[in-house]
Amino acid sequence: MYIKFILYLVVVTFTVQCSCDRKKHEPTIQEIRDTEEAMVNVNRMLVQKDRIKILEYIKQNELNMKELESGLWYQIVQEGKGRKVDDQTVVTLTYHLSLLNGTLLYSSDSLGPKQFRVGKGGVESGLEEGILLLNEGSSAIFILPPHLAHGLTGDGNKIPARSVVVYKVELNKVEPV
């Protein structure tokens, strides 16, 4: 339903733009501001709806999670004693990535451990933000809203558009670069 609403807004914006082009009418500053305001309001609504879904998941699964300002939810299940993660490290982790309904998307069981250099991208921004909270040996649960995961489009494979995803991770290695 949200995607239909967004598509509706895009079509309306495109239609207005096309009709403006035929009339050689440049959009006014007020028309631009109105469109921007409408898009911001749609985004706020979607973020709030995602947050409600996440809170329901947390309650159903009796989790004790904290929310960061970015919208990332996390619970450190076991605190590790090893090296702290920073942007000068390469991390290796085992993981299970699923949707809120429990559908398993990807896991290290079938794909092998995930390894990446912190601060260089290549992984979901929410996963990287969560990993920065951990030490080697930690295990945690991260819930990533769409804007910290795969956004409006999904991953083009198993992750649907606008999906909230759950990472269950064990941080196996933290190595200096």
C-alpha atoms as a PDB file:
ATOM      1  CA  MET A   1       0.000   0.000   0.000  1.00  0.00           C
ATOM      2  CA  TYR A   2       2.841   2.406   0.822  1.00  0.00           C
ATOM      3  CA  ILE A   3       4.510   1.717  -2.474  1.00  0.00           C
ATOM      4  CA  LYS A   4       1.254   2.403  -4.296  1.00  0.00           C
ATOM      5  CA  PHE A   5       0.980   5.711  -2.449  1.00  0.00           C
ATOM      6  CA  ILE A   6       4.542   6.662  -3.353  1.00  0.00           C
ATOM      7  CA  LEU A   7       3.962   5.657  -6.962  1.00  0.00           C
ATOM      8  CA  TYR A   8       0.781   7.735  -6.950  1.00  0.00           C
ATOM      9  CA  LEU A   9       2.760  10.771  -5.762  1.00  0.00           C
ATOM     10  CA  VAL A  10       5.406  10.213  -8.420  1.00  0.00           C
ATOM     11  CA  VAL A  11       2.773   9.882 -11.154  1.00  0.00           C
ATOM     12  CA  VAL A  12       0.969  13.019  -9.959  1.00  0.00           C
ATOM     13  CA  THR A  13       4.246  14.943  -9.803  1.00  0.00           C
ATOM     14  CA  PHE A  14       5.211  13.693 -13.279  1.00  0.00           C
ATOM     15  CA  THR A  15       1.768  14.533 -14.672  1.00  0.00           C
ATOM     16  CA  VAL A  16       1.899  18.023 -13.232  1.00  0.00           C
ATOM     17  CA  GLN A  17       5.411  18.441 -14.629  1.00  0.00           C
ATOM     18  CA  CYS A  18       4.325  17.195 -18.077  1.00  0.00           C
ATOM     19  CA  SER A  19       1.340  19.521 -18.168  1.00  0.00           C
ATOM     20  CA  CYS A  20       3.625  22.343 -17.085  1.00  0.00           C
ATOM     21  CA  ASP A  21       6.042  21.498 -19.903  1.00  0.00           C
ATOM     22  CA  ARG A  22       3.266  21.726 -22.503  1.00  0.00           C
ATOM     23  CA  LYS A  23       2.331  25.157 -21.258  1.00  0.00           C
ATOM     24  CA  LYS A  24       5.985  26.224 -20.994  1.00  0.00           C
ATOM     25  CA  HIS A  25       5.279  26.907 -17.340  1.00  0.00           C
ATOM     26  CA  GLU A  26       8.157  26.855 -14.902  1.00  0.00           C
ATOM     27  CA  PRO A  27       7.085  25.599 -11.481  1.00  0.00           C
ATOM     28  CA  THR A  28       6.872  28.328  -8.934  1.00  0.00           C
ATOM     29  CA  ILE A  29       8.902  28.290  -5.764  1.00  0.00           C
ATOM     30  CA  GLN A  30       5.681  27.605  -3.871  1.00  0.00           C
ATOM     31  CA  GLU A  31       4.844  24.605  -6.094  1.00  0.00           C
ATOM     32  CA  ILE A  32       8.314  23.200  -5.505  1.00  0.00           C
ATOM     33  CA  ARG A  33       8.015  23.731  -1.757  1.00  0.00           C
ATOM     34  CA  ASP A  34       4.562  22.123  -1.713  1.00  0.00           C
ATOM     35  CA  THR A  35       5.875  19.052  -3.543  1.00  0.00           C
ATOM     36  CA  GLU A  36       8.885  18.801  -1.226  1.00  0.00           C
ATOM     37  CA  GLU A  37       6.642  19.142   1.824  1.00  0.00           C
ATOM     38  CA  ALA A  38       4.332  16.409   0.547  1.00  0.00           C
ATOM     39  CA  MET A  39       7.291  14.071   0.012  1.00  0.00           C
ATOM     40  CA  VAL A  40       8.706  14.811   3.476  1.00  0.00           C
ATOM     41  CA  ASN A  41       5.293  14.083   5.011  1.00  0.00           C
ATOM     42  CA  VAL A  42       5.040  10.780   3.128  1.00  0.00           C
ATOM     43  CA  ASN A  43       8.517   9.844   4.357  1.00  0.00           C
ATOM     44  CA  ARG A  44       7.609  10.687   7.960  1.00  0.00           C
ATOM     45  CA  MET A  45       4.467   8.569   7.688  1.00  0.00           C
ATOM     46  CA  LEU A  46       6.415   5.604   6.319  1.00  0.00           C
ATOM     47  CA  VAL A  47       9.104   5.876   9.010  1.00  0.00           C
ATOM     48  CA  GLN A  48       6.403   5.955  11.708  1.00  0.00           C
ATOM     49  CA  LYS A  49       4.637   2.915  10.255  1.00  0.00           C
ATOM     50  CA  ASP A  50       7.957   1.032  10.146  1.00  0.00           C
ATOM     51  CA  ARG A  51       8.594   1.977  13.767  1.00  0.00           C
ATOM     52  CA  ILE A  52       5.178   0.598  14.799  1.00  0.00           C
ATOM     53  CA  LYS A  53       5.951  -2.710  13.029  1.00  0.00           C
ATOM     54  CA  ILE A  54       9.315  -2.892  14.772  1.00  0.00           C
ATOM     55  CA  LEU A  55       7.790  -2.208  18.198  1.00  0.00           C
ATOM     56  CA  GLU A  56       5.216  -4.979  17.604  1.00  0.00           C
ATOM     57  CA  TYR A  57       8.018  -7.391  16.648  1.00  0.00           C
ATOM     58  CA  ILE A  58      10.012  -6.477  19.764  1.00  0.00           C
ATOM     59  CA  LYS A  59       6.969  -7.027  21.974  1.00  0.00           C
ATOM     60  CA  GLN A  60       6.002 -10.345  20.338  1.00  0.00           C
ATOM     61  CA  ASN A  61       9.551 -11.667  20.655  1.00  0.00           C
ATOM     62  CA  GLU A  62      10.047 -10.297  24.185  1.00  0.00           C
ATOM     63  CA  LEU A  63      13.237  -8.489  23.225  1.00  0.00           C
ATOM     64  CA  ASN A  64      14.950  -5.798  25.274  1.00  0.00           C
ATOM     65  CA  MET A  65      16.094  -3.456  22.530  1.00  0.00           C
ATOM     66  CA  LYS A  66      17.330   0.107  22.410  1.00  0.00           C
ATOM     67  CA  GLU A  67      16.809   2.573  19.578  1.00  0.00           C
ATOM     68  CA  LEU A  68      19.512   4.855  18.232  1.00  0.00           C
ATOM     69  CA  GLU A  69      18.739   8.279  16.809  1.00  0.00           C
ATOM     70  CA  SER A  70      19.191   6.907  13.279  1.00  0.00           C
ATOM     71  CA  GLY A  71      16.312   4.458  13.778  1.00  0.00           C
ATOM     72  CA  LEU A  72      18.526   1.401  14.301  1.00  0.00           C
ATOM     73  CA  TRP A  73      17.290  -0.955  17.041  1.00  0.00           C
ATOM     74  CA  TYR A  74      19.810  -3.154  18.808  1.00  0.00           C
ATOM     75  CA  GLN A  75      20.222  -5.631  21.624  1.00  0.00           C
ATOM     76  CA  ILE A  76      23.624  -6.906  22.661  1.00  0.00           C
ATOM     77  CA  VAL A  77      22.926 -10.517  23.592  1.00  0.00           C
ATOM     78  CA  GLN A  78      26.462 -11.286  24.765  1.00  0.00           C
ATOM     79  CA  GLU A  79      29.209  -8.747  25.366  1.00  0.00           C
ATOM     80  CA  GLY A  80      32.513  -9.751  23.806  1.00  0.00           C
ATOM     81  CA  LYS A  81      35.848  -9.301  25.544  1.00  0.00           C
ATOM     82  CA  GLY A  82      37.970  -8.782  22.445  1.00  0.00           C
ATOM     83  CA  ARG A  83      39.052  -5.803  20.393  1.00  0.00           C
ATOM     84  CA  LYS A  84      36.586  -2.917  19.937  1.00  0.00           C
ATOM     85  CA  VAL A  85      35.375  -2.264  16.389  1.00  0.00           C
ATOM     86  CA  ASP A  86      36.420   1.031  14.792  1.00  0.00           C
ATOM     87  CA  ASP A  87      36.951   2.379  11.295  1.00  0.00           C
ATOM     88  CA  GLN A  88      40.475   0.973  11.214  1.00  0.00           C
ATOM     89  CA  THR A  89      39.313  -2.644  11.446  1.00  0.00           C
ATOM     90  CA  VAL A  90      38.138  -5.483   9.266  1.00  0.00           C
ATOM     91  CA  VAL A  91      35.374  -7.552  10.840  1.00  0.00           C
ATOM     92  CA  THR A  92      34.256 -11.117  10.212  1.00  0.00           C
ATOM     93  CA  LEU A  93      30.838 -12.209  11.417  1.00  0.00           C
ATOM     94  CA  THR A  94      28.379 -15.027  11.200  1.00  0.00           C
ATOM     95  CA  TYR A  95      24.785 -13.962  10.743  1.00  0.00           C
ATOM     96  CA  HIS A  96      21.165 -14.709   9.959  1.00  0.00           C
ATOM     97  CA  LEU A  97      19.225 -12.060   8.048  1.00  0.00           C
ATOM     98  CA  SER A  98      15.436 -12.309   8.046  1.00  0.00           C
ATOM     99  CA  LEU A  99      12.251 -10.324   7.601  1.00  0.00           C
ATOM    100  CA  LEU A 100      10.086  -9.409  10.585  1.00  0.00           C
ATOM    101  CA  ASN A 101       7.780 -12.333   9.737  1.00  0.00           C
ATOM    102  CA  GLY A 102      10.705 -14.738  10.225  1.00  0.00           C
ATOM    103  CA  THR A 103      11.436 -15.452   6.561  1.00  0.00           C
ATOM    104  CA  LEU A 104      15.143 -16.245   6.324  1.00  0.00           C
ATOM    105  CA  LEU A 105      16.781 -14.221   3.559  1.00  0.00           C
ATOM    106  CA  TYR A 106      20.507 -14.885   3.853  1.00  0.00           C
ATOM    107  CA  SER A 107      22.806 -16.505   6.367  1.00  0.00           C
ATOM    108  CA  SER A 108      26.425 -17.396   6.876  1.00  0.00           C
ATOM    109  CA  ASP A 109      25.283 -21.027   7.132  1.00  0.00           C
ATOM    110  CA  SER A 110      24.828 -21.095   3.352  1.00  0.00           C
ATOM    111  CA  LEU A 111      26.954 -18.135   2.190  1.00  0.00           C
ATOM    112  CA  GLY A 112      29.839 -18.256   4.625  1.00  0.00           C
ATOM    113  CA  PRO A 113      30.887 -15.563   7.070  1.00  0.00           C
ATOM    114  CA  LYS A 114      30.531 -11.916   6.086  1.00  0.00           C
ATOM    115  CA  GLN A 115      33.715  -9.878   6.113  1.00  0.00           C
ATOM    116  CA  PHE A 116      34.098  -6.144   5.506  1.00  0.00           C
ATOM    117  CA  ARG A 117      36.243  -3.162   6.334  1.00  0.00           C
ATOM    118  CA  VAL A 118      34.397  -0.824   8.656  1.00  0.00           C
ATOM    119  CA  GLY A 119      33.873   2.670   7.271  1.00  0.00           C
ATOM    120  CA  LYS A 120      34.243   1.695   3.619  1.00  0.00           C
ATOM    121  CA  GLY A 121      30.633   0.857   2.773  1.00  0.00           C
ATOM    122  CA  GLY A 122      29.638  -2.268   0.927  1.00  0.00           C
ATOM    123  CA  VAL A 123      27.175  -3.343   3.635  1.00  0.00           C
ATOM    124  CA  GLU A 124      23.926  -1.933   4.906  1.00  0.00           C
ATOM    125  CA  SER A 125      24.522   1.316   6.809  1.00  0.00           C
ATOM    126  CA  GLY A 126      22.472  -0.026   9.720  1.00  0.00           C
ATOM    127  CA  LEU A 127      24.610  -3.162   9.973  1.00  0.00           C
ATOM    128  CA  GLU A 128      27.788  -1.099  10.029  1.00  0.00           C
ATOM    129  CA  GLU A 129      26.341   1.258  12.643  1.00  0.00           C
ATOM    130  CA  GLY A 130      25.394  -1.718  14.808  1.00  0.00           C
ATOM    131  CA  ILE A 131      28.760  -3.444  14.423  1.00  0.00           C
ATOM    132  CA  LEU A 132      30.457  -0.292  15.748  1.00  0.00           C
ATOM    133  CA  LEU A 133      28.729  -0.964  19.092  1.00  0.00           C
ATOM    134  CA  LEU A 134      30.449  -4.331  19.513  1.00  0.00           C
ATOM    135  CA  ASN A 135      33.696  -5.967  20.584  1.00  0.00           C
ATOM    136  CA  GLU A 136      35.139  -9.164  19.172  1.00  0.00           C
ATOM    137  CA  GLY A 137      33.194 -12.102  20.595  1.00  0.00           C
ATOM    138  CA  SER A 138      29.908 -10.189  20.931  1.00  0.00           C
ATOM    139  CA  SER A 139      26.564 -11.387  19.664  1.00  0.00           C
ATOM    140  CA  ALA A 140      23.699  -9.018  18.939  1.00  0.00           C
ATOM    141  CA  ILE A 141      20.370  -8.487  17.249  1.00  0.00           C
ATOM    142  CA  PHE A 142      19.892  -5.480  14.966  1.00  0.00           C
ATOM    143  CA  ILE A 143      16.616  -4.351  13.439  1.00  0.00           C
ATOM    144  CA  LEU A 144      17.155  -2.162  10.392  1.00  0.00           C
ATOM    145  CA  PRO A 145      14.313  -0.044   9.026  1.00  0.00           C
ATOM    146  CA  PRO A 146      14.321   0.290   5.228  1.00  0.00           C
ATOM    147  CA  HIS A 147      16.332   3.529   5.172  1.00  0.00           C
ATOM    148  CA  LEU A 148      19.203   1.732   6.976  1.00  0.00           C
ATOM    149  CA  ALA A 149      18.879  -1.490   4.984  1.00  0.00           C
ATOM    150  CA  HIS A 150      17.857  -1.824   1.321  1.00  0.00           C
ATOM    151  CA  GLY A 151      15.549   1.173   0.947  1.00  0.00           C
ATOM    152  CA  LEU A 152      12.730   1.560  -1.524  1.00  0.00           C
ATOM    153  CA  THR A 153      13.908  -1.125  -3.930  1.00  0.00           C
ATOM    154  CA  GLY A 154      15.123  -4.069  -1.861  1.00  0.00           C
ATOM    155  CA  ASP A 155      18.167  -5.960  -3.092  1.00  0.00           C
ATOM    156  CA  GLY A 156      16.710  -7.175  -6.383  1.00  0.00           C
ATOM    157  CA  ASN A 157      16.880 -10.757  -5.145  1.00  0.00           C
ATOM    158  CA  LYS A 158      15.398 -11.948  -1.843  1.00  0.00           C
ATOM    159  CA  ILE A 159      14.813  -8.699   0.050  1.00  0.00           C
ATOM    160  CA  PRO A 160      11.533  -7.050  -0.982  1.00  0.00           C
ATOM    161  CA  ALA A 161      11.128  -3.314  -1.433  1.00  0.00           C
ATOM    162  CA  ARG A 162      10.796  -1.252   1.764  1.00  0.00           C
ATOM    163  CA  SER A 163      11.600  -4.159   4.056  1.00  0.00           C
ATOM    164  CA  VAL A 164      12.482  -3.992   7.719  1.00  0.00           C
ATOM    165  CA  VAL A 165      15.194  -6.603   8.282  1.00  0.00           C
ATOM    166  CA  VAL A 166      16.538  -8.385  11.352  1.00  0.00           C
ATOM    167  CA  TYR A 167      20.201  -9.281  11.690  1.00  0.00           C
ATOM    168  CA  LYS A 168      21.311 -11.793  14.309  1.00  0.00           C
ATOM    169  CA  VAL A 169      25.088 -11.594  14.370  1.00  0.00           C
ATOM    170  CA  GLU A 170      28.110 -13.044  16.118  1.00  0.00           C
ATOM    171  CA  LEU A 171      31.247 -10.964  15.743  1.00  0.00           C
ATOM    172  CA  ASN A 172      34.022 -13.546  15.265  1.00  0.00           C
ATOM    173  CA  LYS A 173      37.054 -11.435  14.357  1.00  0.00           C
ATOM    174  CA  VAL A 174      38.116  -7.801  14.607  1.00  0.00           C
ATOM    175  CA  GLU A 175      41.443  -7.239  12.869  1.00  0.00           C
ATOM    176  CA  PRO A 176      43.422  -4.044  12.338  1.00  0.00           C
ATOM    177  CA  VAL A 177      43.663  -2.836   8.752  1.00  0.00           C
END
